[in-house]
Protein backbone atom coordinates (compact mmCIF):
# COMPACT_ATOMS: atom_id res chain seq x y z
CA MET A 1 -2.42 -47.93 -63.69
CA THR A 2 0.19 -47.70 -61.11
CA LYS A 3 -0.38 -44.02 -61.00
CA SER A 4 -4.05 -44.45 -60.30
CA THR A 5 -3.35 -47.09 -57.65
CA ASP A 6 -0.83 -44.79 -56.04
CA GLY A 7 -3.36 -41.93 -56.23
CA ASN A 8 -6.00 -44.10 -54.56
CA LYS A 9 -3.60 -45.00 -51.75
CA ILE A 10 -2.67 -41.36 -51.23
CA ALA A 11 -6.33 -40.29 -51.24
CA ALA A 12 -7.24 -43.06 -48.75
CA HIS A 13 -4.33 -42.08 -46.51
CA ALA A 14 -5.39 -38.39 -46.72
CA GLY A 15 -8.97 -39.35 -45.80
CA GLU A 16 -7.71 -41.26 -42.72
CA THR A 17 -5.54 -38.32 -41.71
CA ILE A 18 -8.48 -35.91 -42.06
CA GLN A 19 -10.66 -38.23 -39.94
CA GLU A 20 -7.95 -38.26 -37.23
CA VAL A 21 -7.74 -34.46 -37.34
CA VAL A 22 -11.53 -34.19 -37.06
CA ALA A 23 -11.54 -36.60 -34.07
CA ASN A 24 -8.75 -34.60 -32.38
CA VAL A 25 -10.61 -31.32 -32.99
CA GLN A 26 -13.73 -32.83 -31.42
CA ARG A 27 -11.71 -33.91 -28.35
CA VAL A 28 -10.18 -30.41 -28.03
CA THR A 29 -13.67 -28.88 -28.40
CA ALA A 30 -14.97 -31.16 -25.61
CA LEU A 31 -12.01 -30.20 -23.37
CA VAL A 32 -12.56 -26.46 -24.01
CA SER A 33 -16.25 -26.93 -23.23
CA ASP A 34 -15.36 -28.70 -19.95
CA ILE A 35 -12.95 -25.88 -19.05
CA ALA A 36 -15.63 -23.28 -19.79
CA GLY A 37 -18.13 -25.15 -17.56
CA ALA A 38 -15.59 -25.42 -14.71
CA THR A 39 -14.75 -21.72 -15.05
CA GLN A 40 -18.45 -20.84 -14.80
CA GLU A 41 -18.80 -22.98 -11.66
CA GLN A 42 -15.75 -21.31 -10.12
CA SER A 43 -17.16 -17.87 -10.95
CA THR A 44 -20.47 -18.77 -9.30
CA GLY A 45 -18.62 -20.12 -6.25
CA LEU A 46 -16.50 -16.97 -5.97
CA ASN A 47 -19.63 -14.80 -6.15
CA GLU A 48 -21.18 -16.81 -3.31
CA ILE A 49 -17.98 -16.47 -1.25
CA ASN A 50 -17.95 -12.72 -1.90
CA LYS A 51 -21.55 -12.41 -0.71
CA ALA A 52 -20.73 -14.39 2.44
CA VAL A 53 -17.71 -12.17 3.18
CA VAL A 54 -19.83 -9.03 2.75
CA GLN A 55 -22.47 -10.44 5.13
CA MET A 56 -19.78 -11.35 7.68
CA ASP A 57 -18.36 -7.82 7.43
CA GLU A 58 -21.81 -6.33 8.05
CA MET A 59 -22.35 -8.61 11.05
CA THR A 60 -18.91 -7.72 12.41
CA GLN A 61 -19.73 -4.02 12.15
CA GLN A 62 -23.08 -4.57 13.87
CA ASN A 63 -21.39 -6.58 16.63
CA ALA A 64 -18.79 -3.86 17.12
CA ALA A 65 -21.54 -1.26 17.46
CA LEU A 66 -23.38 -3.46 19.97
CA VAL A 67 -20.19 -3.95 21.98
CA GLU A 68 -19.65 -0.19 22.12
CA GLU A 69 -23.26 0.36 23.21
CA SER A 70 -22.93 -2.37 25.85
CA ALA A 71 -19.69 -0.86 27.15
CA ALA A 72 -21.32 2.57 27.38
CA ALA A 73 -24.35 1.09 29.16
CA ALA A 74 -22.07 -0.77 31.58
CA GLU A 75 -20.12 2.40 32.28
CA SER A 76 -23.36 4.29 32.89
CA MET A 77 -24.63 1.56 35.20
CA ASP A 78 -21.31 1.63 37.07
CA SER A 79 -21.61 5.38 37.59
CA GLN A 80 -25.22 5.07 38.70
CA ALA A 81 -24.34 2.25 41.10
CA HIS A 82 -21.60 4.34 42.68
CA ALA A 83 -23.92 7.35 42.94
CA LEU A 84 -26.57 5.18 44.55
CA THR A 85 -23.98 3.76 46.97
CA GLU A 86 -22.99 7.29 47.96
CA ILE A 87 -26.61 8.32 48.47
CA VAL A 88 -27.38 5.25 50.55
CA ALA A 89 -24.22 5.75 52.61
CA ARG A 90 -25.23 9.34 53.41
CA PHE A 91 -28.75 8.28 54.24
CA LYS A 92 -27.62 5.56 56.64
CA THR A 93 -24.76 7.35 58.36
CA GLY A 94 -24.96 11.00 57.45
CA VAL A 95 -21.36 10.78 56.16
CA ASN A 96 -20.59 12.06 52.67
CA VAL A 97 -18.70 9.25 50.97
CA ARG A 98 -16.77 10.09 47.81
CA ARG A 99 -15.13 7.59 45.57
CA ALA A 100 -11.79 8.24 43.97
CA GLU A 101 -12.19 9.11 40.32
CA ALA A 102 -9.98 6.82 38.26
CA PRO A 103 -9.35 7.38 34.57
CA ARG A 104 -11.82 5.33 32.57
CA ALA A 105 -11.06 3.26 29.53
CA LYS A 106 -12.73 4.14 26.25
CA PRO A 107 -15.96 2.20 25.62
CA ALA A 108 -14.48 0.34 22.63
CA ALA A 109 -11.67 -1.12 24.79
CA ALA A 110 -12.19 -4.73 25.76
CA THR A 111 -12.15 -4.43 29.56
CA ARG A 112 -13.92 -6.58 32.08
CA LEU A 113 -16.14 -4.54 34.36
CA GLN A 114 -16.36 -5.61 37.97
CA ALA A 115 -19.29 -5.07 40.28
CA PRO A 116 -18.77 -2.07 42.55
CA LYS A 117 -17.65 -2.88 46.04
CA PRO A 118 -20.04 -1.63 48.70
CA VAL A 119 -18.94 1.34 50.76
CA ARG A 120 -18.81 0.46 54.42
CA ALA A 121 -18.90 3.25 56.93
CA ALA A 122 -17.67 2.73 60.44
CA VAL A 123 -20.54 2.13 62.82
CA ARG A 124 -20.29 4.30 65.90
CA ARG A 125 -22.37 3.87 68.94
CA GLY A 126 -23.36 6.59 71.32
CA PRO A 127 -23.69 10.33 70.96
CA ALA A 128 -20.87 10.72 68.38
CA GLN A 129 -23.03 9.15 65.63
CA PRO A 130 -25.18 11.69 63.77
CA GLU A 131 -28.83 10.77 63.66
CA LEU A 132 -31.25 11.72 60.94
CA SER A 133 -34.36 13.21 62.33
CA ALA A 134 -37.64 13.81 60.58
CA SER A 135 -36.74 17.50 60.15
CA LYS A 136 -33.27 16.83 58.72
CA GLN A 137 -33.38 16.17 54.95
CA PRO A 138 -30.61 14.63 52.82
CA VAL A 139 -28.56 16.97 50.66
CA PRO A 140 -30.05 17.33 47.16
CA THR A 141 -27.93 15.90 44.34
CA PRO A 142 -27.97 16.82 40.65
CA LYS A 143 -29.73 14.53 38.19
CA ALA A 144 -27.62 12.14 36.15
CA ASP A 145 -28.31 14.07 32.93
CA ASP A 146 -26.92 17.23 34.62
CA ASP A 147 -29.45 19.60 33.10
CA GLY A 148 -29.03 22.08 35.91
CA GLN A 149 -32.16 20.89 37.73
CA TRP A 150 -31.86 19.65 41.30
CA GLU A 151 -33.74 16.76 42.65
CA ALA A 152 -34.18 15.95 46.33
CA PHE A 153 -34.36 12.35 47.46
């Protein structure tokens, strides 16, 4: 009988040990499941971040293109303003005013454009000042697109 009592004790102890192992396996399974869920959330978050970075890159490229277009438009307006100033100066005084050509920055450079300063011709009184008469016409100037056509103002 002692052998059967000892066998019962060993079997009971083995059953308890198996129940502990099963409980530990269930805890490990729950932890692995939690890790898998967190990994999925991180993957989703990283995909969203990647999409946002791609959109920001596209917007940056669009902004860069707009800045270049704006710089080119500002440069064109500056040239047109100077040409208009020269034309108006010749019309008012009959003097051909030329501006000094300075090297221009590339359109992509971040430079601040300033408004052109008006050209002021000396005002002379008396016979030394040339007068425009109805028969005297201003000198024709080429168009801005320089297609070889002349246009009189």
